[in-house]
mmCIF file of all heavy atoms, coordinates in Angstrom:
data_MODEL
# 
_entry.id   MODEL 
# 
loop_
_atom_site.group_PDB 
_atom_site.id 
_atom_site.type_symbol 
_atom_site.label_atom_id 
_atom_site.label_alt_id 
_atom_site.label_comp_id 
_atom_site.label_asym_id 
_atom_site.label_entity_id 
_atom_site.label_seq_id 
_atom_site.pdbx_PDB_ins_code 
_atom_site.Cartn_x 
_atom_site.Cartn_y 
_atom_site.Cartn_z 
_atom_site.occupancy 
_atom_site.B_iso_or_equiv 
_atom_site.pdbx_formal_charge 
_atom_site.auth_seq_id 
_atom_site.auth_comp_id 
_atom_site.auth_asym_id 
_atom_site.auth_atom_id 
_atom_site.pdbx_PDB_model_num 
ATOM 1   N N   . ARG A 1 1  ? -4.591  -1.885  -0.396  1.00 0.00 ? 1  ARG A N   1 
ATOM 2   C CA  . ARG A 1 1  ? -4.672  -0.966  -1.522  1.00 0.00 ? 1  ARG A CA  1 
ATOM 3   C C   . ARG A 1 1  ? -3.926  0.318   -1.199  1.00 0.00 ? 1  ARG A C   1 
ATOM 4   O O   . ARG A 1 1  ? -3.891  0.760   -0.053  1.00 0.00 ? 1  ARG A O   1 
ATOM 5   C CB  . ARG A 1 1  ? -6.145  -0.656  -1.829  1.00 0.00 ? 1  ARG A CB  1 
ATOM 6   C CG  . ARG A 1 1  ? -6.373  0.295   -2.979  1.00 0.00 ? 1  ARG A CG  1 
ATOM 7   C CD  . ARG A 1 1  ? -7.863  0.481   -3.224  1.00 0.00 ? 1  ARG A CD  1 
ATOM 8   N NE  . ARG A 1 1  ? -8.517  1.187   -2.126  1.00 0.00 ? 1  ARG A NE  1 
ATOM 9   C CZ  . ARG A 1 1  ? -9.822  1.417   -2.068  1.00 0.00 ? 1  ARG A CZ  1 
ATOM 10  N NH1 . ARG A 1 1  ? -10.624 0.967   -3.033  1.00 0.00 ? 1  ARG A NH1 1 
ATOM 11  N NH2 . ARG A 1 1  ? -10.334 2.069   -1.037  1.00 0.00 ? 1  ARG A NH2 1 
ATOM 12  N N   . ILE A 1 2  ? -3.353  0.926   -2.219  1.00 0.00 ? 2  ILE A N   1 
ATOM 13  C CA  . ILE A 1 2  ? -2.702  2.215   -2.079  1.00 0.00 ? 2  ILE A CA  1 
ATOM 14  C C   . ILE A 1 2  ? -3.110  3.082   -3.258  1.00 0.00 ? 2  ILE A C   1 
ATOM 15  O O   . ILE A 1 2  ? -3.238  2.603   -4.377  1.00 0.00 ? 2  ILE A O   1 
ATOM 16  C CB  . ILE A 1 2  ? -1.162  2.078   -1.990  1.00 0.00 ? 2  ILE A CB  1 
ATOM 17  C CG1 . ILE A 1 2  ? -0.519  3.425   -1.651  1.00 0.00 ? 2  ILE A CG1 1 
ATOM 18  C CG2 . ILE A 1 2  ? -0.583  1.495   -3.274  1.00 0.00 ? 2  ILE A CG2 1 
ATOM 19  C CD1 . ILE A 1 2  ? 0.957   3.315   -1.285  1.00 0.00 ? 2  ILE A CD1 1 
ATOM 20  N N   . THR A 1 3  ? -3.327  4.368   -3.005  1.00 0.00 ? 3  THR A N   1 
ATOM 21  C CA  . THR A 1 3  ? -3.699  5.300   -4.053  1.00 0.00 ? 3  THR A CA  1 
ATOM 22  C C   . THR A 1 3  ? -2.471  6.048   -4.533  1.00 0.00 ? 3  THR A C   1 
ATOM 23  O O   . THR A 1 3  ? -1.395  5.977   -3.945  1.00 0.00 ? 3  THR A O   1 
ATOM 24  C CB  . THR A 1 3  ? -4.743  6.306   -3.561  1.00 0.00 ? 3  THR A CB  1 
ATOM 25  O OG1 . THR A 1 3  ? -4.130  7.216   -2.627  1.00 0.00 ? 3  THR A OG1 1 
ATOM 26  C CG2 . THR A 1 3  ? -5.902  5.596   -2.879  1.00 0.00 ? 3  THR A CG2 1 
ATOM 27  N N   . THR A 1 4  ? -2.640  6.803   -5.607  1.00 0.00 ? 4  THR A N   1 
ATOM 28  C CA  . THR A 1 4  ? -1.532  7.594   -6.127  1.00 0.00 ? 4  THR A CA  1 
ATOM 29  C C   . THR A 1 4  ? -1.098  8.675   -5.150  1.00 0.00 ? 4  THR A C   1 
ATOM 30  O O   . THR A 1 4  ? 0.046   9.134   -5.207  1.00 0.00 ? 4  THR A O   1 
ATOM 31  C CB  . THR A 1 4  ? -1.899  8.244   -7.470  1.00 0.00 ? 4  THR A CB  1 
ATOM 32  O OG1 . THR A 1 4  ? -3.100  9.009   -7.331  1.00 0.00 ? 4  THR A OG1 1 
ATOM 33  C CG2 . THR A 1 4  ? -2.117  7.176   -8.543  1.00 0.00 ? 4  THR A CG2 1 
ATOM 34  N N   . SER A 1 5  ? -1.996  9.064   -4.255  1.00 0.00 ? 5  SER A N   1 
ATOM 35  C CA  . SER A 1 5  ? -1.662  10.058  -3.245  1.00 0.00 ? 5  SER A CA  1 
ATOM 36  C C   . SER A 1 5  ? -0.958  9.447   -2.046  1.00 0.00 ? 5  SER A C   1 
ATOM 37  O O   . SER A 1 5  ? -0.483  10.165  -1.166  1.00 0.00 ? 5  SER A O   1 
ATOM 38  C CB  . SER A 1 5  ? -2.913  10.798  -2.785  1.00 0.00 ? 5  SER A CB  1 
ATOM 39  O OG  . SER A 1 5  ? -3.798  9.938   -2.109  1.00 0.00 ? 5  SER A OG  1 
ATOM 40  N N   . GLY A 1 6  ? -0.900  8.117   -1.991  1.00 0.00 ? 6  GLY A N   1 
ATOM 41  C CA  . GLY A 1 6  ? -0.224  7.444   -0.905  1.00 0.00 ? 6  GLY A CA  1 
ATOM 42  C C   . GLY A 1 6  ? -1.123  6.928   0.199   1.00 0.00 ? 6  GLY A C   1 
ATOM 43  O O   . GLY A 1 6  ? -0.638  6.310   1.150   1.00 0.00 ? 6  GLY A O   1 
ATOM 44  N N   . SER A 1 7  ? -2.409  7.169   0.097   1.00 0.00 ? 7  SER A N   1 
ATOM 45  C CA  . SER A 1 7  ? -3.340  6.663   1.102   1.00 0.00 ? 7  SER A CA  1 
ATOM 46  C C   . SER A 1 7  ? -3.428  5.147   1.007   1.00 0.00 ? 7  SER A C   1 
ATOM 47  O O   . SER A 1 7  ? -3.415  4.584   -0.084  1.00 0.00 ? 7  SER A O   1 
ATOM 48  C CB  . SER A 1 7  ? -4.723  7.277   0.911   1.00 0.00 ? 7  SER A CB  1 
ATOM 49  O OG  . SER A 1 7  ? -4.686  8.680   1.088   1.00 0.00 ? 7  SER A OG  1 
ATOM 50  N N   . THR A 1 8  ? -3.530  4.493   2.145   1.00 0.00 ? 8  THR A N   1 
ATOM 51  C CA  . THR A 1 8  ? -3.570  3.036   2.175   1.00 0.00 ? 8  THR A CA  1 
ATOM 52  C C   . THR A 1 8  ? -4.815  2.526   2.865   1.00 0.00 ? 8  THR A C   1 
ATOM 53  O O   . THR A 1 8  ? -5.432  3.217   3.684   1.00 0.00 ? 8  THR A O   1 
ATOM 54  C CB  . THR A 1 8  ? -2.337  2.463   2.881   1.00 0.00 ? 8  THR A CB  1 
ATOM 55  O OG1 . THR A 1 8  ? -2.275  2.974   4.222   1.00 0.00 ? 8  THR A OG1 1 
ATOM 56  C CG2 . THR A 1 8  ? -1.063  2.845   2.145   1.00 0.00 ? 8  THR A CG2 1 
ATOM 57  N N   . ASP A 1 9  ? -5.167  1.304   2.538   1.00 0.00 ? 9  ASP A N   1 
ATOM 58  C CA  . ASP A 1 9  ? -6.307  0.636   3.144   1.00 0.00 ? 9  ASP A CA  1 
ATOM 59  C C   . ASP A 1 9  ? -5.970  -0.840  3.243   1.00 0.00 ? 9  ASP A C   1 
ATOM 60  O O   . ASP A 1 9  ? -5.346  -1.401  2.338   1.00 0.00 ? 9  ASP A O   1 
ATOM 61  C CB  . ASP A 1 9  ? -7.560  0.856   2.305   1.00 0.00 ? 9  ASP A CB  1 
ATOM 62  C CG  . ASP A 1 9  ? -8.814  0.363   2.993   1.00 0.00 ? 9  ASP A CG  1 
ATOM 63  O OD1 . ASP A 1 9  ? -8.867  0.411   4.236   1.00 0.00 ? 9  ASP A OD1 1 
ATOM 64  O OD2 . ASP A 1 9  ? -9.752  -0.052  2.290   1.00 0.00 ? 9  ASP A OD2 1 
ATOM 65  N N   . TYR A 1 10 ? -6.372  -1.467  4.344   1.00 0.00 ? 10 TYR A N   1 
ATOM 66  C CA  . TYR A 1 10 ? -6.065  -2.869  4.570   1.00 0.00 ? 10 TYR A CA  1 
ATOM 67  C C   . TYR A 1 10 ? -7.288  -3.628  5.038   1.00 0.00 ? 10 TYR A C   1 
ATOM 68  O O   . TYR A 1 10 ? -8.156  -3.079  5.731   1.00 0.00 ? 10 TYR A O   1 
ATOM 69  C CB  . TYR A 1 10 ? -4.978  -3.023  5.636   1.00 0.00 ? 10 TYR A CB  1 
ATOM 70  C CG  . TYR A 1 10 ? -3.663  -2.379  5.297   1.00 0.00 ? 10 TYR A CG  1 
ATOM 71  C CD1 . TYR A 1 10 ? -3.390  -1.065  5.674   1.00 0.00 ? 10 TYR A CD1 1 
ATOM 72  C CD2 . TYR A 1 10 ? -2.694  -3.088  4.600   1.00 0.00 ? 10 TYR A CD2 1 
ATOM 73  C CE1 . TYR A 1 10 ? -2.178  -0.478  5.365   1.00 0.00 ? 10 TYR A CE1 1 
ATOM 74  C CE2 . TYR A 1 10 ? -1.471  -2.499  4.289   1.00 0.00 ? 10 TYR A CE2 1 
ATOM 75  C CZ  . TYR A 1 10 ? -1.225  -1.197  4.670   1.00 0.00 ? 10 TYR A CZ  1 
ATOM 76  O OH  . TYR A 1 10 ? -0.011  -0.611  4.363   1.00 0.00 ? 10 TYR A OH  1 
ATOM 77  N N   . ALA A 1 11 ? -7.337  -4.886  4.671   1.00 0.00 ? 11 ALA A N   1 
ATOM 78  C CA  . ALA A 1 11 ? -8.356  -5.754  5.223   1.00 0.00 ? 11 ALA A CA  1 
ATOM 79  C C   . ALA A 1 11 ? -8.084  -5.937  6.712   1.00 0.00 ? 11 ALA A C   1 
ATOM 80  O O   . ALA A 1 11 ? -6.936  -5.936  7.157   1.00 0.00 ? 11 ALA A O   1 
ATOM 81  C CB  . ALA A 1 11 ? -8.342  -7.106  4.520   1.00 0.00 ? 11 ALA A CB  1 
ATOM 82  N N   . GLY A 1 12 ? -9.150  -6.105  7.480   1.00 0.00 ? 12 GLY A N   1 
ATOM 83  C CA  . GLY A 1 12 ? -8.982  -6.255  8.913   1.00 0.00 ? 12 GLY A CA  1 
ATOM 84  C C   . GLY A 1 12 ? -8.112  -7.434  9.302   1.00 0.00 ? 12 GLY A C   1 
ATOM 85  O O   . GLY A 1 12 ? -7.395  -7.388  10.312  1.00 0.00 ? 12 GLY A O   1 
ATOM 86  N N   . SER A 1 13 ? -8.130  -8.482  8.489   1.00 0.00 ? 13 SER A N   1 
ATOM 87  C CA  . SER A 1 13 ? -7.379  -9.684  8.801   1.00 0.00 ? 13 SER A CA  1 
ATOM 88  C C   . SER A 1 13 ? -5.869  -9.519  8.645   1.00 0.00 ? 13 SER A C   1 
ATOM 89  O O   . SER A 1 13 ? -5.100  -10.321 9.171   1.00 0.00 ? 13 SER A O   1 
ATOM 90  C CB  . SER A 1 13 ? -7.854  -10.847 7.925   1.00 0.00 ? 13 SER A CB  1 
ATOM 91  O OG  . SER A 1 13 ? -7.690  -10.545 6.553   1.00 0.00 ? 13 SER A OG  1 
ATOM 92  N N   . VAL A 1 14 ? -5.441  -8.484  7.924   1.00 0.00 ? 14 VAL A N   1 
ATOM 93  C CA  . VAL A 1 14 ? -4.010  -8.282  7.689   1.00 0.00 ? 14 VAL A CA  1 
ATOM 94  C C   . VAL A 1 14 ? -3.495  -6.975  8.258   1.00 0.00 ? 14 VAL A C   1 
ATOM 95  O O   . VAL A 1 14 ? -2.275  -6.759  8.305   1.00 0.00 ? 14 VAL A O   1 
ATOM 96  C CB  . VAL A 1 14 ? -3.663  -8.355  6.187   1.00 0.00 ? 14 VAL A CB  1 
ATOM 97  C CG1 . VAL A 1 14 ? -4.189  -9.636  5.573   1.00 0.00 ? 14 VAL A CG1 1 
ATOM 98  C CG2 . VAL A 1 14 ? -4.210  -7.141  5.447   1.00 0.00 ? 14 VAL A CG2 1 
ATOM 99  N N   . LYS A 1 15 ? -4.376  -6.121  8.689   1.00 0.00 ? 15 LYS A N   1 
ATOM 100 C CA  . LYS A 1 15 ? -3.979  -4.821  9.210   1.00 0.00 ? 15 LYS A CA  1 
ATOM 101 C C   . LYS A 1 15 ? -3.037  -4.990  10.401  1.00 0.00 ? 15 LYS A C   1 
ATOM 102 O O   . LYS A 1 15 ? -3.296  -5.775  11.309  1.00 0.00 ? 15 LYS A O   1 
ATOM 103 C CB  . LYS A 1 15 ? -5.203  -4.012  9.618   1.00 0.00 ? 15 LYS A CB  1 
ATOM 104 C CG  . LYS A 1 15 ? -4.914  -2.549  9.889   1.00 0.00 ? 15 LYS A CG  1 
ATOM 105 C CD  . LYS A 1 15 ? -6.199  -1.769  10.097  1.00 0.00 ? 15 LYS A CD  1 
ATOM 106 C CE  . LYS A 1 15 ? -5.926  -0.286  10.248  1.00 0.00 ? 15 LYS A CE  1 
ATOM 107 N NZ  . LYS A 1 15 ? -7.177  0.486   10.405  1.00 0.00 ? 15 LYS A NZ  1 
ATOM 108 N N   . GLY A 1 16 ? -1.946  -4.253  10.369  1.00 0.00 ? 16 GLY A N   1 
ATOM 109 C CA  . GLY A 1 16 ? -0.939  -4.356  11.410  1.00 0.00 ? 16 GLY A CA  1 
ATOM 110 C C   . GLY A 1 16 ? 0.141   -5.354  11.090  1.00 0.00 ? 16 GLY A C   1 
ATOM 111 O O   . GLY A 1 16 ? 1.198   -5.349  11.735  1.00 0.00 ? 16 GLY A O   1 
ATOM 112 N N   . ARG A 1 17 ? -0.093  -6.224  10.121  1.00 0.00 ? 17 ARG A N   1 
ATOM 113 C CA  . ARG A 1 17 ? 0.889   -7.227  9.724   1.00 0.00 ? 17 ARG A CA  1 
ATOM 114 C C   . ARG A 1 17 ? 1.437   -6.979  8.326   1.00 0.00 ? 17 ARG A C   1 
ATOM 115 O O   . ARG A 1 17 ? 2.599   -7.279  8.057   1.00 0.00 ? 17 ARG A O   1 
ATOM 116 C CB  . ARG A 1 17 ? 0.287   -8.633  9.780   1.00 0.00 ? 17 ARG A CB  1 
ATOM 117 C CG  . ARG A 1 17 ? -0.192  -9.045  11.160  1.00 0.00 ? 17 ARG A CG  1 
ATOM 118 C CD  . ARG A 1 17 ? -0.586  -10.518 11.188  1.00 0.00 ? 17 ARG A CD  1 
ATOM 119 N NE  . ARG A 1 17 ? -1.717  -10.799 10.310  1.00 0.00 ? 17 ARG A NE  1 
ATOM 120 C CZ  . ARG A 1 17 ? -1.672  -11.604 9.262   1.00 0.00 ? 17 ARG A CZ  1 
ATOM 121 N NH1 . ARG A 1 17 ? -0.544  -12.230 8.953   1.00 0.00 ? 17 ARG A NH1 1 
ATOM 122 N NH2 . ARG A 1 17 ? -2.757  -11.814 8.521   1.00 0.00 ? 17 ARG A NH2 1 
ATOM 123 N N   . PHE A 1 18 ? 0.606   -6.474  7.440   1.00 0.00 ? 18 PHE A N   1 
ATOM 124 C CA  . PHE A 1 18 ? 1.003   -6.219  6.061   1.00 0.00 ? 18 PHE A CA  1 
ATOM 125 C C   . PHE A 1 18 ? 1.189   -4.727  5.841   1.00 0.00 ? 18 PHE A C   1 
ATOM 126 O O   . PHE A 1 18 ? 0.485   -3.903  6.433   1.00 0.00 ? 18 PHE A O   1 
ATOM 127 C CB  . PHE A 1 18 ? -0.060  -6.724  5.080   1.00 0.00 ? 18 PHE A CB  1 
ATOM 128 C CG  . PHE A 1 18 ? -0.199  -8.218  4.991   1.00 0.00 ? 18 PHE A CG  1 
ATOM 129 C CD1 . PHE A 1 18 ? 0.412   -9.061  5.902   1.00 0.00 ? 18 PHE A CD1 1 
ATOM 130 C CD2 . PHE A 1 18 ? -0.960  -8.772  3.974   1.00 0.00 ? 18 PHE A CD2 1 
ATOM 131 C CE1 . PHE A 1 18 ? 0.276   -10.436 5.815   1.00 0.00 ? 18 PHE A CE1 1 
ATOM 132 C CE2 . PHE A 1 18 ? -1.105  -10.144 3.868   1.00 0.00 ? 18 PHE A CE2 1 
ATOM 133 C CZ  . PHE A 1 18 ? -0.493  -10.979 4.786   1.00 0.00 ? 18 PHE A CZ  1 
ATOM 134 N N   . THR A 1 19 ? 2.121   -4.386  4.972   1.00 0.00 ? 19 THR A N   1 
ATOM 135 C CA  . THR A 1 19 ? 2.358   -2.999  4.617   1.00 0.00 ? 19 THR A CA  1 
ATOM 136 C C   . THR A 1 19 ? 2.483   -2.881  3.108   1.00 0.00 ? 19 THR A C   1 
ATOM 137 O O   . THR A 1 19 ? 3.276   -3.591  2.493   1.00 0.00 ? 19 THR A O   1 
ATOM 138 C CB  . THR A 1 19 ? 3.640   -2.454  5.271   1.00 0.00 ? 19 THR A CB  1 
ATOM 139 O OG1 . THR A 1 19 ? 3.548   -2.562  6.696   1.00 0.00 ? 19 THR A OG1 1 
ATOM 140 C CG2 . THR A 1 19 ? 3.835   -0.984  4.902   1.00 0.00 ? 19 THR A CG2 1 
ATOM 141 N N   . ILE A 1 20 ? 1.712   -1.991  2.526   1.00 0.00 ? 20 ILE A N   1 
ATOM 142 C CA  . ILE A 1 20 ? 1.786   -1.761  1.089   1.00 0.00 ? 20 ILE A CA  1 
ATOM 143 C C   . ILE A 1 20 ? 2.497   -0.444  0.835   1.00 0.00 ? 20 ILE A C   1 
ATOM 144 O O   . ILE A 1 20 ? 2.322   0.526   1.572   1.00 0.00 ? 20 ILE A O   1 
ATOM 145 C CB  . ILE A 1 20 ? 0.380   -1.783  0.441   1.00 0.00 ? 20 ILE A CB  1 
ATOM 146 C CG1 . ILE A 1 20 ? 0.489   -1.784  -1.082  1.00 0.00 ? 20 ILE A CG1 1 
ATOM 147 C CG2 . ILE A 1 20 ? -0.477  -0.633  0.931   1.00 0.00 ? 20 ILE A CG2 1 
ATOM 148 C CD1 . ILE A 1 20 ? -0.831  -2.105  -1.785  1.00 0.00 ? 20 ILE A CD1 1 
ATOM 149 N N   . SER A 1 21 ? 3.317   -0.416  -0.188  1.00 0.00 ? 21 SER A N   1 
ATOM 150 C CA  . SER A 1 21 ? 4.072   0.780   -0.519  1.00 0.00 ? 21 SER A CA  1 
ATOM 151 C C   . SER A 1 21 ? 4.244   0.872   -2.027  1.00 0.00 ? 21 SER A C   1 
ATOM 152 O O   . SER A 1 21 ? 3.951   -0.078  -2.759  1.00 0.00 ? 21 SER A O   1 
ATOM 153 C CB  . SER A 1 21 ? 5.440   0.777   0.173   1.00 0.00 ? 21 SER A CB  1 
ATOM 154 O OG  . SER A 1 21 ? 6.222   -0.329  -0.249  1.00 0.00 ? 21 SER A OG  1 
ATOM 155 N N   . ARG A 1 22 ? 4.718   2.006   -2.469  1.00 0.00 ? 22 ARG A N   1 
ATOM 156 C CA  . ARG A 1 22 ? 4.926   2.198   -3.900  1.00 0.00 ? 22 ARG A CA  1 
ATOM 157 C C   . ARG A 1 22 ? 6.281   2.828   -4.189  1.00 0.00 ? 22 ARG A C   1 
ATOM 158 O O   . ARG A 1 22 ? 6.839   3.554   -3.365  1.00 0.00 ? 22 ARG A O   1 
ATOM 159 C CB  . ARG A 1 22 ? 3.811   3.061   -4.490  1.00 0.00 ? 22 ARG A CB  1 
ATOM 160 C CG  . ARG A 1 22 ? 3.697   4.449   -3.866  1.00 0.00 ? 22 ARG A CG  1 
ATOM 161 C CD  . ARG A 1 22 ? 2.492   5.188   -4.428  1.00 0.00 ? 22 ARG A CD  1 
ATOM 162 N NE  . ARG A 1 22 ? 2.222   6.434   -3.713  1.00 0.00 ? 22 ARG A NE  1 
ATOM 163 C CZ  . ARG A 1 22 ? 2.747   7.603   -4.029  1.00 0.00 ? 22 ARG A CZ  1 
ATOM 164 N NH1 . ARG A 1 22 ? 3.586   7.705   -5.051  1.00 0.00 ? 22 ARG A NH1 1 
ATOM 165 N NH2 . ARG A 1 22 ? 2.445   8.685   -3.331  1.00 0.00 ? 22 ARG A NH2 1 
ATOM 166 N N   . ASP A 1 23 ? 6.798   2.543   -5.360  1.00 0.00 ? 23 ASP A N   1 
ATOM 167 C CA  . ASP A 1 23 ? 8.039   3.115   -5.847  1.00 0.00 ? 23 ASP A CA  1 
ATOM 168 C C   . ASP A 1 23 ? 7.745   3.636   -7.243  1.00 0.00 ? 23 ASP A C   1 
ATOM 169 O O   . ASP A 1 23 ? 7.767   2.878   -8.211  1.00 0.00 ? 23 ASP A O   1 
ATOM 170 C CB  . ASP A 1 23 ? 9.148   2.066   -5.867  1.00 0.00 ? 23 ASP A CB  1 
ATOM 171 C CG  . ASP A 1 23 ? 10.498  2.643   -6.246  1.00 0.00 ? 23 ASP A CG  1 
ATOM 172 O OD1 . ASP A 1 23 ? 10.552  3.731   -6.845  1.00 0.00 ? 23 ASP A OD1 1 
ATOM 173 O OD2 . ASP A 1 23 ? 11.518  1.996   -5.935  1.00 0.00 ? 23 ASP A OD2 1 
ATOM 174 N N   . SER A 1 24 ? 7.465   4.915   -7.333  1.00 0.00 ? 24 SER A N   1 
ATOM 175 C CA  . SER A 1 24 ? 7.066   5.495   -8.608  1.00 0.00 ? 24 SER A CA  1 
ATOM 176 C C   . SER A 1 24 ? 8.169   5.432   -9.657  1.00 0.00 ? 24 SER A C   1 
ATOM 177 O O   . SER A 1 24 ? 7.889   5.310   -10.852 1.00 0.00 ? 24 SER A O   1 
ATOM 178 C CB  . SER A 1 24 ? 6.607   6.944   -8.411  1.00 0.00 ? 24 SER A CB  1 
ATOM 179 O OG  . SER A 1 24 ? 7.636   7.736   -7.853  1.00 0.00 ? 24 SER A OG  1 
ATOM 180 N N   . ALA A 1 25 ? 9.421   5.507   -9.219  1.00 0.00 ? 25 ALA A N   1 
ATOM 181 C CA  . ALA A 1 25 ? 10.537  5.462   -10.153 1.00 0.00 ? 25 ALA A CA  1 
ATOM 182 C C   . ALA A 1 25 ? 10.612  4.125   -10.871 1.00 0.00 ? 25 ALA A C   1 
ATOM 183 O O   . ALA A 1 25 ? 11.085  4.045   -12.007 1.00 0.00 ? 25 ALA A O   1 
ATOM 184 C CB  . ALA A 1 25 ? 11.847  5.748   -9.432  1.00 0.00 ? 25 ALA A CB  1 
ATOM 185 N N   . LYS A 1 26 ? 10.154  3.073   -10.210 1.00 0.00 ? 26 LYS A N   1 
ATOM 186 C CA  . LYS A 1 26 ? 10.188  1.737   -10.785 1.00 0.00 ? 26 LYS A CA  1 
ATOM 187 C C   . LYS A 1 26 ? 8.812   1.260   -11.222 1.00 0.00 ? 26 LYS A C   1 
ATOM 188 O O   . LYS A 1 26 ? 8.666   0.113   -11.639 1.00 0.00 ? 26 LYS A O   1 
ATOM 189 C CB  . LYS A 1 26 ? 10.788  0.747   -9.789  1.00 0.00 ? 26 LYS A CB  1 
ATOM 190 C CG  . LYS A 1 26 ? 12.227  1.047   -9.410  1.00 0.00 ? 26 LYS A CG  1 
ATOM 191 C CD  . LYS A 1 26 ? 12.758  0.019   -8.435  1.00 0.00 ? 26 LYS A CD  1 
ATOM 192 C CE  . LYS A 1 26 ? 14.203  0.307   -8.082  1.00 0.00 ? 26 LYS A CE  1 
ATOM 193 N NZ  . LYS A 1 26 ? 14.740  -0.690  -7.117  1.00 0.00 ? 26 LYS A NZ  1 
ATOM 194 N N   . ASN A 1 27 ? 7.819   2.138   -11.114 1.00 0.00 ? 27 ASN A N   1 
ATOM 195 C CA  . ASN A 1 27 ? 6.441   1.785   -11.460 1.00 0.00 ? 27 ASN A CA  1 
ATOM 196 C C   . ASN A 1 27 ? 6.007   0.503   -10.756 1.00 0.00 ? 27 ASN A C   1 
ATOM 197 O O   . ASN A 1 27 ? 5.370   -0.372  -11.348 1.00 0.00 ? 27 ASN A O   1 
ATOM 198 C CB  . ASN A 1 27 ? 6.278   1.634   -12.976 1.00 0.00 ? 27 ASN A CB  1 
ATOM 199 C CG  . ASN A 1 27 ? 6.521   2.928   -13.713 1.00 0.00 ? 27 ASN A CG  1 
ATOM 200 O OD1 . ASN A 1 27 ? 6.169   4.004   -13.227 1.00 0.00 ? 27 ASN A OD1 1 
ATOM 201 N ND2 . ASN A 1 27 ? 7.109   2.842   -14.896 1.00 0.00 ? 27 ASN A ND2 1 
ATOM 202 N N   . THR A 1 28 ? 6.354   0.429   -9.492  1.00 0.00 ? 28 THR A N   1 
ATOM 203 C CA  . THR A 1 28 ? 6.172   -0.804  -8.745  1.00 0.00 ? 28 THR A CA  1 
ATOM 204 C C   . THR A 1 28 ? 5.450   -0.569  -7.422  1.00 0.00 ? 28 THR A C   1 
ATOM 205 O O   . THR A 1 28 ? 5.682   0.440   -6.750  1.00 0.00 ? 28 THR A O   1 
ATOM 206 C CB  . THR A 1 28 ? 7.533   -1.461  -8.461  1.00 0.00 ? 28 THR A CB  1 
ATOM 207 O OG1 . THR A 1 28 ? 8.181   -1.760  -9.700  1.00 0.00 ? 28 THR A OG1 1 
ATOM 208 C CG2 . THR A 1 28 ? 7.377   -2.740  -7.664  1.00 0.00 ? 28 THR A CG2 1 
ATOM 209 N N   . VAL A 1 29 ? 4.601   -1.499  -7.073  1.00 0.00 ? 29 VAL A N   1 
ATOM 210 C CA  . VAL A 1 29 ? 3.942   -1.520  -5.779  1.00 0.00 ? 29 VAL A CA  1 
ATOM 211 C C   . VAL A 1 29 ? 4.361   -2.795  -5.065  1.00 0.00 ? 29 VAL A C   1 
ATOM 212 O O   . VAL A 1 29 ? 4.449   -3.852  -5.688  1.00 0.00 ? 29 VAL A O   1 
ATOM 213 C CB  . VAL A 1 29 ? 2.411   -1.461  -5.926  1.00 0.00 ? 29 VAL A CB  1 
ATOM 214 C CG1 . VAL A 1 29 ? 1.736   -1.563  -4.563  1.00 0.00 ? 29 VAL A CG1 1 
ATOM 215 C CG2 . VAL A 1 29 ? 1.994   -0.168  -6.612  1.00 0.00 ? 29 VAL A CG2 1 
# 
């Protein structure tokens, strides 16, 4: 999960392997 402020949270099973990001210009996560 990612918030509008950019804070992220990951499940323990994927932490360190998955990365979530956002592109506000494209309204895309």
